[in-house]
């Protein structure tokens, strides 16, 4: 738990980033545009400039693309909603919506929302007051409960 630099978002240092809406949306749109641009540049260099290399490189490119293709995941869950809610991209395809529905069903079957509610209920009252507790105070409380 703690702060993370923008340059560290995609190198495996964290599993989840929590931010307010505007900043999160800027990061999301930047990441989408950057990855799409990089894939276009790689495709041009490999498939247009050296077609022989393309034959060997194609499975690798497809594998990487599939891992980063938002159509495969359907959308992002909005946590904190009183129910299951997946936000899909405005340019979603039918397969994107299908993936979002599949993921929503998985969330329901696994009881994700209920698990979040139970975990939040275990947070000490002094951290749940209307005041913003510092990260250091949260860490100290976590250390005390170990």
N, C-alpha and C. Protein backbone atom coordinates (compact mmCIF):
# COMPACT_ATOMS: atom_id res chain seq x y z
N UNK A 1 0.85 -1.16 0.00
CA UNK A 1 0.00 0.00 0.00
C UNK A 1 0.90 1.23 0.00
N UNK A 2 0.55 2.19 -0.80
CA UNK A 2 1.29 3.43 -0.84
C UNK A 2 1.22 4.06 -2.21
N UNK A 3 2.11 4.98 -2.44
CA UNK A 3 2.10 5.74 -3.68
C UNK A 3 2.91 5.02 -4.75
N UNK A 4 2.60 5.31 -6.00
CA UNK A 4 3.33 4.73 -7.12
C UNK A 4 3.54 5.81 -8.17
N UNK A 5 4.68 5.78 -8.80
CA UNK A 5 5.00 6.72 -9.87
C UNK A 5 4.34 6.25 -11.17
N UNK A 6 3.99 7.19 -12.03
CA UNK A 6 3.37 6.85 -13.30
C UNK A 6 4.21 5.91 -14.14
N UNK A 7 5.54 6.06 -14.07
CA UNK A 7 6.42 5.20 -14.87
C UNK A 7 6.39 3.75 -14.39
N UNK A 8 5.88 3.51 -13.19
CA UNK A 8 5.86 2.17 -12.61
C UNK A 8 4.52 1.44 -12.78
N UNK A 9 3.57 2.06 -13.44
CA UNK A 9 2.23 1.47 -13.53
C UNK A 9 2.20 0.13 -14.25
N UNK A 10 3.08 -0.07 -15.22
CA UNK A 10 2.96 -1.25 -16.07
C UNK A 10 4.12 -2.23 -15.92
N UNK A 11 4.90 -2.10 -14.85
CA UNK A 11 6.04 -3.01 -14.70
C UNK A 11 5.84 -4.05 -13.60
N UNK A 12 4.61 -4.23 -13.15
CA UNK A 12 4.32 -5.28 -12.18
C UNK A 12 4.52 -4.90 -10.73
N UNK A 13 4.77 -3.63 -10.43
CA UNK A 13 4.97 -3.21 -9.04
C UNK A 13 3.66 -3.14 -8.27
N UNK A 14 2.54 -3.13 -8.98
CA UNK A 14 1.25 -3.09 -8.30
C UNK A 14 0.22 -3.87 -9.12
N UNK A 15 -0.80 -4.33 -8.44
CA UNK A 15 -1.89 -5.03 -9.11
C UNK A 15 -3.07 -4.11 -9.35
N UNK A 16 -3.22 -3.12 -8.49
CA UNK A 16 -4.37 -2.21 -8.54
C UNK A 16 -3.88 -0.79 -8.29
N UNK A 17 -4.44 0.15 -9.03
CA UNK A 17 -4.16 1.56 -8.79
C UNK A 17 -5.49 2.23 -8.47
N UNK A 18 -5.53 2.96 -7.38
CA UNK A 18 -6.75 3.67 -7.00
C UNK A 18 -6.50 5.16 -7.19
N UNK A 19 -7.38 5.80 -7.92
CA UNK A 19 -7.23 7.23 -8.19
C UNK A 19 -8.62 7.83 -8.34
N UNK A 20 -8.67 9.15 -8.35
CA UNK A 20 -9.96 9.78 -8.62
C UNK A 20 -10.23 9.70 -10.12
N UNK A 21 -11.44 9.99 -10.53
CA UNK A 21 -11.89 9.75 -11.90
C UNK A 21 -11.12 10.43 -13.00
N UNK A 22 -10.81 11.72 -12.86
CA UNK A 22 -10.16 12.44 -13.95
C UNK A 22 -8.77 11.88 -14.23
N UNK A 23 -7.97 11.75 -13.17
CA UNK A 23 -6.61 11.23 -13.34
C UNK A 23 -6.64 9.81 -13.89
N UNK A 24 -7.51 8.99 -13.35
CA UNK A 24 -7.62 7.61 -13.83
C UNK A 24 -7.99 7.55 -15.30
N UNK A 25 -8.89 8.41 -15.72
CA UNK A 25 -9.30 8.43 -17.12
C UNK A 25 -8.16 8.88 -18.03
N UNK A 26 -7.39 9.88 -17.59
CA UNK A 26 -6.24 10.34 -18.39
C UNK A 26 -5.23 9.21 -18.53
N UNK A 27 -4.92 8.53 -17.44
CA UNK A 27 -3.96 7.42 -17.49
C UNK A 27 -4.48 6.32 -18.41
N UNK A 28 -5.76 5.99 -18.28
CA UNK A 28 -6.35 4.94 -19.10
C UNK A 28 -6.30 5.29 -20.58
N UNK A 29 -6.71 6.50 -20.93
CA UNK A 29 -6.71 6.91 -22.34
C UNK A 29 -5.29 6.98 -22.90
N UNK A 30 -4.34 7.46 -22.09
CA UNK A 30 -2.95 7.51 -22.52
C UNK A 30 -2.41 6.10 -22.79
N UNK A 31 -2.70 5.18 -21.87
CA UNK A 31 -2.22 3.80 -22.04
C UNK A 31 -2.84 3.16 -23.28
N UNK A 32 -4.13 3.38 -23.49
CA UNK A 32 -4.79 2.82 -24.69
C UNK A 32 -4.15 3.36 -25.96
N UNK A 33 -3.98 4.66 -26.02
CA UNK A 33 -3.41 5.28 -27.22
C UNK A 33 -1.97 4.87 -27.46
N UNK A 34 -1.20 4.81 -26.39
CA UNK A 34 0.20 4.43 -26.51
C UNK A 34 0.35 2.99 -26.99
N UNK A 35 -0.43 2.07 -26.39
CA UNK A 35 -0.32 0.67 -26.82
C UNK A 35 -0.79 0.49 -28.25
N UNK A 36 -1.86 1.16 -28.64
CA UNK A 36 -2.34 1.06 -30.03
C UNK A 36 -1.29 1.61 -31.00
N UNK A 37 -0.68 2.73 -30.64
CA UNK A 37 0.36 3.32 -31.49
C UNK A 37 1.58 2.44 -31.61
N UNK A 38 2.00 1.86 -30.49
CA UNK A 38 3.16 0.96 -30.53
C UNK A 38 2.88 -0.27 -31.39
N UNK A 39 1.69 -0.84 -31.25
CA UNK A 39 1.35 -2.00 -32.07
C UNK A 39 1.33 -1.65 -33.55
N UNK A 40 0.83 -0.46 -33.88
CA UNK A 40 0.83 -0.04 -35.29
C UNK A 40 2.26 0.11 -35.81
N UNK A 41 3.13 0.71 -35.01
CA UNK A 41 4.53 0.89 -35.44
C UNK A 41 5.24 -0.45 -35.60
N UNK A 42 5.04 -1.35 -34.65
CA UNK A 42 5.66 -2.67 -34.74
C UNK A 42 5.14 -3.41 -35.96
N UNK A 43 3.82 -3.37 -36.16
CA UNK A 43 3.23 -4.05 -37.32
C UNK A 43 3.81 -3.50 -38.61
N UNK A 44 3.95 -2.20 -38.71
CA UNK A 44 4.50 -1.61 -39.93
C UNK A 44 5.93 -2.09 -40.15
N UNK A 45 6.75 -1.99 -39.12
CA UNK A 45 8.16 -2.37 -39.26
C UNK A 45 8.31 -3.85 -39.59
N UNK A 46 7.56 -4.69 -38.92
CA UNK A 46 7.73 -6.13 -39.12
C UNK A 46 7.02 -6.63 -40.36
N UNK A 47 5.77 -6.26 -40.54
CA UNK A 47 4.97 -6.85 -41.61
C UNK A 47 5.18 -6.17 -42.96
N UNK A 48 5.54 -4.89 -42.97
CA UNK A 48 5.73 -4.18 -44.23
C UNK A 48 7.20 -4.18 -44.64
N UNK A 49 8.07 -3.86 -43.71
CA UNK A 49 9.49 -3.73 -44.03
C UNK A 49 10.15 -5.09 -44.25
N UNK A 50 9.82 -6.09 -43.42
CA UNK A 50 10.46 -7.40 -43.53
C UNK A 50 9.42 -8.51 -43.42
N UNK A 51 8.74 -8.85 -44.52
CA UNK A 51 7.69 -9.87 -44.50
C UNK A 51 8.18 -11.24 -44.02
N UNK A 52 9.44 -11.58 -44.25
CA UNK A 52 9.95 -12.87 -43.78
C UNK A 52 10.00 -12.90 -42.25
N UNK A 53 10.43 -11.80 -41.67
CA UNK A 53 10.45 -11.71 -40.21
C UNK A 53 9.03 -11.77 -39.66
N UNK A 54 8.09 -11.24 -40.40
CA UNK A 54 6.69 -11.23 -39.97
C UNK A 54 6.17 -12.64 -39.73
N UNK A 55 6.55 -13.57 -40.58
CA UNK A 55 6.07 -14.95 -40.43
C UNK A 55 6.52 -15.54 -39.09
N UNK A 56 7.73 -15.21 -38.67
CA UNK A 56 8.24 -15.74 -37.39
C UNK A 56 7.73 -14.93 -36.19
N UNK A 57 7.50 -13.66 -36.40
CA UNK A 57 7.14 -12.75 -35.32
C UNK A 57 5.64 -12.71 -35.05
N UNK A 58 4.83 -13.11 -36.00
CA UNK A 58 3.37 -12.99 -35.89
C UNK A 58 2.79 -13.66 -34.65
N UNK A 59 3.16 -14.91 -34.30
CA UNK A 59 2.58 -15.51 -33.09
C UNK A 59 2.89 -14.72 -31.82
N UNK A 60 4.08 -14.14 -31.75
CA UNK A 60 4.46 -13.35 -30.57
C UNK A 60 3.62 -12.09 -30.49
N UNK A 61 3.48 -11.40 -31.62
CA UNK A 61 2.69 -10.17 -31.66
C UNK A 61 1.24 -10.46 -31.29
N UNK A 62 0.67 -11.53 -31.84
CA UNK A 62 -0.73 -11.88 -31.53
C UNK A 62 -0.91 -12.19 -30.05
N UNK A 63 0.04 -12.91 -29.47
CA UNK A 63 -0.04 -13.25 -28.06
C UNK A 63 -0.01 -12.00 -27.18
N UNK A 64 0.91 -11.11 -27.47
CA UNK A 64 1.01 -9.86 -26.69
C UNK A 64 -0.23 -9.01 -26.90
N UNK A 65 -0.69 -8.90 -28.13
CA UNK A 65 -1.87 -8.09 -28.43
C UNK A 65 -3.09 -8.61 -27.68
N UNK A 66 -3.26 -9.93 -27.66
CA UNK A 66 -4.43 -10.51 -27.00
C UNK A 66 -4.43 -10.19 -25.50
N UNK A 67 -3.26 -10.17 -24.89
CA UNK A 67 -3.17 -9.87 -23.46
C UNK A 67 -3.53 -8.42 -23.15
N UNK A 68 -3.39 -7.54 -24.14
CA UNK A 68 -3.63 -6.11 -23.92
C UNK A 68 -4.84 -5.58 -24.68
N UNK A 69 -5.60 -6.45 -25.28
CA UNK A 69 -6.77 -6.05 -26.07
C UNK A 69 -7.98 -5.94 -25.15
N UNK A 70 -8.48 -4.72 -24.98
CA UNK A 70 -9.61 -4.53 -24.05
C UNK A 70 -10.86 -5.28 -24.47
N UNK A 71 -10.95 -5.64 -25.74
CA UNK A 71 -12.11 -6.42 -26.20
C UNK A 71 -12.13 -7.79 -25.51
N UNK A 72 -10.98 -8.29 -25.11
CA UNK A 72 -10.89 -9.59 -24.44
C UNK A 72 -11.45 -9.53 -23.02
N UNK A 73 -11.41 -8.35 -22.39
CA UNK A 73 -11.79 -8.23 -20.99
C UNK A 73 -13.18 -7.61 -20.81
N UNK A 74 -13.63 -6.87 -21.77
CA UNK A 74 -14.98 -6.34 -21.73
C UNK A 74 -15.14 -5.01 -21.06
N UNK A 75 -14.35 -4.71 -20.11
CA UNK A 75 -14.49 -3.45 -19.41
C UNK A 75 -13.83 -3.53 -18.06
N UNK A 76 -14.08 -2.53 -17.26
CA UNK A 76 -13.49 -2.48 -15.92
C UNK A 76 -14.60 -2.43 -14.89
N UNK A 77 -14.46 -3.19 -13.80
CA UNK A 77 -15.48 -3.13 -12.76
C UNK A 77 -15.40 -1.81 -12.01
N UNK A 78 -16.54 -1.22 -11.73
CA UNK A 78 -16.58 -0.02 -10.88
C UNK A 78 -16.86 -0.50 -9.46
N UNK A 79 -15.82 -0.52 -8.68
CA UNK A 79 -15.95 -1.00 -7.31
C UNK A 79 -16.54 0.11 -6.46
N UNK A 80 -17.37 -0.29 -5.52
CA UNK A 80 -18.04 0.68 -4.67
C UNK A 80 -19.49 0.86 -5.07
N UNK A 81 -19.84 0.38 -6.24
CA UNK A 81 -21.24 0.43 -6.66
C UNK A 81 -21.99 -0.62 -5.85
N UNK A 82 -23.24 -0.33 -5.54
CA UNK A 82 -24.04 -1.28 -4.78
C UNK A 82 -24.61 -2.31 -5.75
N UNK A 83 -23.76 -3.12 -6.28
CA UNK A 83 -24.12 -4.12 -7.27
C UNK A 83 -22.94 -4.32 -8.19
N UNK A 84 -23.15 -5.07 -9.24
CA UNK A 84 -22.08 -5.35 -10.19
C UNK A 84 -22.22 -4.41 -11.38
N UNK A 85 -21.14 -3.73 -11.69
CA UNK A 85 -21.17 -2.74 -12.76
C UNK A 85 -19.84 -2.78 -13.50
N UNK A 86 -19.88 -3.08 -14.78
CA UNK A 86 -18.69 -3.03 -15.62
C UNK A 86 -18.84 -1.88 -16.60
N UNK A 87 -17.83 -1.02 -16.64
CA UNK A 87 -17.84 0.11 -17.58
C UNK A 87 -17.10 -0.33 -18.83
N UNK A 88 -17.79 -0.23 -19.96
CA UNK A 88 -17.21 -0.63 -21.24
C UNK A 88 -16.79 0.61 -22.02
N UNK A 89 -15.83 0.42 -22.88
CA UNK A 89 -15.32 1.50 -23.73
C UNK A 89 -16.40 1.93 -24.71
N UNK A 90 -16.41 3.19 -25.07
CA UNK A 90 -17.40 3.71 -26.01
C UNK A 90 -17.32 3.08 -27.39
N UNK A 91 -16.16 2.54 -27.74
CA UNK A 91 -16.02 1.90 -29.06
C UNK A 91 -16.07 0.37 -28.94
N UNK A 92 -16.76 -0.12 -27.92
CA UNK A 92 -16.84 -1.57 -27.71
C UNK A 92 -17.55 -2.27 -28.85
N UNK A 93 -17.05 -3.46 -29.15
CA UNK A 93 -17.67 -4.34 -30.14
C UNK A 93 -18.59 -5.31 -29.42
N UNK A 94 -19.33 -6.09 -30.19
CA UNK A 94 -20.23 -7.08 -29.60
C UNK A 94 -19.45 -8.04 -28.70
N UNK A 95 -18.26 -8.46 -29.13
CA UNK A 95 -17.47 -9.40 -28.32
C UNK A 95 -16.99 -8.74 -27.03
N UNK A 96 -16.83 -7.42 -27.03
CA UNK A 96 -16.44 -6.70 -25.83
C UNK A 96 -17.57 -6.75 -24.80
N UNK A 97 -18.77 -6.50 -25.26
CA UNK A 97 -19.94 -6.54 -24.37
C UNK A 97 -20.15 -7.96 -23.85
N UNK A 98 -19.95 -8.94 -24.72
CA UNK A 98 -20.07 -10.35 -24.31
C UNK A 98 -19.08 -10.66 -23.19
N UNK A 99 -17.84 -10.19 -23.33
CA UNK A 99 -16.83 -10.41 -22.29
C UNK A 99 -17.22 -9.71 -20.99
N UNK A 100 -17.79 -8.51 -21.09
CA UNK A 100 -18.22 -7.78 -19.88
C UNK A 100 -19.33 -8.54 -19.17
N UNK A 101 -20.25 -9.09 -19.93
CA UNK A 101 -21.34 -9.88 -19.33
C UNK A 101 -20.77 -11.13 -18.66
N UNK A 102 -19.84 -11.80 -19.36
CA UNK A 102 -19.20 -13.00 -18.80
C UNK A 102 -18.48 -12.65 -17.49
N UNK A 103 -17.77 -11.53 -17.47
CA UNK A 103 -17.06 -11.13 -16.26
C UNK A 103 -18.02 -10.72 -15.14
N UNK A 104 -19.14 -10.10 -15.50
CA UNK A 104 -20.15 -9.74 -14.50
C UNK A 104 -20.72 -10.99 -13.84
N UNK A 105 -20.99 -12.00 -14.65
CA UNK A 105 -21.49 -13.26 -14.10
C UNK A 105 -20.47 -13.90 -13.17
N UNK A 106 -19.20 -13.84 -13.56
CA UNK A 106 -18.14 -14.39 -12.70
C UNK A 106 -18.07 -13.63 -11.38
N UNK A 107 -18.19 -12.30 -11.42
CA UNK A 107 -18.20 -11.48 -10.20
C UNK A 107 -19.34 -11.92 -9.29
N UNK A 108 -20.51 -12.15 -9.88
CA UNK A 108 -21.68 -12.56 -9.10
C UNK A 108 -21.45 -13.94 -8.47
N UNK A 109 -20.99 -14.89 -9.26
CA UNK A 109 -20.78 -16.26 -8.76
C UNK A 109 -19.72 -16.31 -7.67
N UNK A 110 -18.69 -15.48 -7.80
CA UNK A 110 -17.60 -15.48 -6.82
C UNK A 110 -17.91 -14.62 -5.60
N UNK A 111 -19.00 -13.86 -5.64
CA UNK A 111 -19.38 -13.01 -4.51
C UNK A 111 -18.38 -11.89 -4.26
N UNK A 112 -17.86 -11.31 -5.33
CA UNK A 112 -16.84 -10.26 -5.20
C UNK A 112 -17.36 -9.07 -4.38
N UNK A 113 -18.55 -8.56 -4.72
CA UNK A 113 -19.07 -7.39 -3.98
C UNK A 113 -19.26 -7.70 -2.50
N UNK A 114 -19.78 -8.87 -2.21
CA UNK A 114 -19.99 -9.25 -0.82
C UNK A 114 -18.66 -9.33 -0.08
N UNK A 115 -17.64 -9.87 -0.76
CA UNK A 115 -16.30 -9.96 -0.16
C UNK A 115 -15.72 -8.59 0.14
N UNK A 116 -15.96 -7.64 -0.76
CA UNK A 116 -15.47 -6.28 -0.54
C UNK A 116 -16.17 -5.66 0.67
N UNK A 117 -17.49 -5.84 0.76
CA UNK A 117 -18.25 -5.30 1.89
C UNK A 117 -17.74 -5.91 3.20
N UNK A 118 -17.51 -7.22 3.21
CA UNK A 118 -17.01 -7.88 4.43
C UNK A 118 -15.62 -7.35 4.80
N UNK A 119 -14.75 -7.19 3.82
CA UNK A 119 -13.39 -6.69 4.10
C UNK A 119 -13.43 -5.26 4.62
N UNK A 120 -14.29 -4.43 4.04
CA UNK A 120 -14.40 -3.04 4.49
C UNK A 120 -14.96 -2.96 5.90
N UNK A 121 -15.85 -3.89 6.26
CA UNK A 121 -16.44 -3.89 7.59
C UNK A 121 -15.39 -4.18 8.67
N UNK A 122 -14.29 -4.81 8.28
CA UNK A 122 -13.23 -5.14 9.24
C UNK A 122 -12.26 -3.99 9.49
N UNK A 123 -12.39 -2.92 8.73
CA UNK A 123 -11.51 -1.76 8.92
C UNK A 123 -11.88 -1.08 10.23
N UNK A 124 -10.89 -0.77 11.06
CA UNK A 124 -11.18 -0.13 12.35
C UNK A 124 -11.97 1.17 12.17
N UNK A 125 -12.84 1.45 13.14
CA UNK A 125 -13.71 2.63 13.07
C UNK A 125 -12.96 3.94 12.90
N UNK A 126 -11.80 4.07 13.56
CA UNK A 126 -11.07 5.34 13.47
C UNK A 126 -10.58 5.61 12.05
N UNK A 127 -10.42 4.59 11.26
CA UNK A 127 -10.03 4.79 9.86
C UNK A 127 -11.25 5.01 8.97
N UNK A 128 -12.44 4.68 9.48
CA UNK A 128 -13.65 4.85 8.68
C UNK A 128 -14.38 6.15 9.00
N UNK A 129 -13.86 6.94 9.91
CA UNK A 129 -14.53 8.20 10.21
C UNK A 129 -14.50 9.07 8.96
N UNK A 130 -15.23 10.13 8.94
CA UNK A 130 -15.29 10.99 7.77
C UNK A 130 -13.97 11.68 7.45
N UNK A 131 -13.03 11.64 8.37
CA UNK A 131 -11.75 12.30 8.15
C UNK A 131 -10.84 11.42 7.30
N UNK A 132 -9.93 12.05 6.59
CA UNK A 132 -8.98 11.31 5.76
C UNK A 132 -7.78 10.91 6.60
N UNK A 133 -7.63 9.62 6.83
CA UNK A 133 -6.46 9.14 7.57
C UNK A 133 -5.26 9.12 6.65
N UNK A 134 -4.11 9.41 7.20
CA UNK A 134 -2.90 9.39 6.36
C UNK A 134 -2.51 7.95 6.07
N UNK A 135 -1.71 7.79 5.03
CA UNK A 135 -1.22 6.46 4.67
C UNK A 135 -0.40 5.90 5.82
N UNK A 136 0.39 6.75 6.49
CA UNK A 136 1.21 6.29 7.61
C UNK A 136 0.33 5.76 8.75
N UNK A 137 -0.78 6.43 9.04
CA UNK A 137 -1.68 5.97 10.09
C UNK A 137 -2.29 4.63 9.71
N UNK A 138 -2.65 4.47 8.47
CA UNK A 138 -3.22 3.21 8.00
C UNK A 138 -2.19 2.09 8.12
N UNK A 139 -0.94 2.38 7.76
CA UNK A 139 0.12 1.37 7.87
C UNK A 139 0.37 1.00 9.33
N UNK A 140 0.36 2.01 10.20
CA UNK A 140 0.59 1.76 11.62
C UNK A 140 -0.51 0.87 12.19
N UNK A 141 -1.74 1.13 11.82
CA UNK A 141 -2.86 0.32 12.28
C UNK A 141 -2.73 -1.10 11.76
N UNK A 142 -2.33 -1.23 10.51
CA UNK A 142 -2.16 -2.56 9.92
C UNK A 142 -1.07 -3.33 10.67
N UNK A 143 0.01 -2.66 11.06
CA UNK A 143 1.09 -3.31 11.80
C UNK A 143 0.62 -3.74 13.18
N UNK A 144 -0.22 -2.92 13.82
CA UNK A 144 -0.73 -3.24 15.16
C UNK A 144 -1.63 -4.46 15.15
N UNK A 145 -2.35 -4.68 14.06
CA UNK A 145 -3.30 -5.79 14.00
C UNK A 145 -2.65 -7.11 13.61
N UNK A 146 -1.35 -7.07 13.26
CA UNK A 146 -0.65 -8.32 12.88
C UNK A 146 -0.31 -9.15 14.08
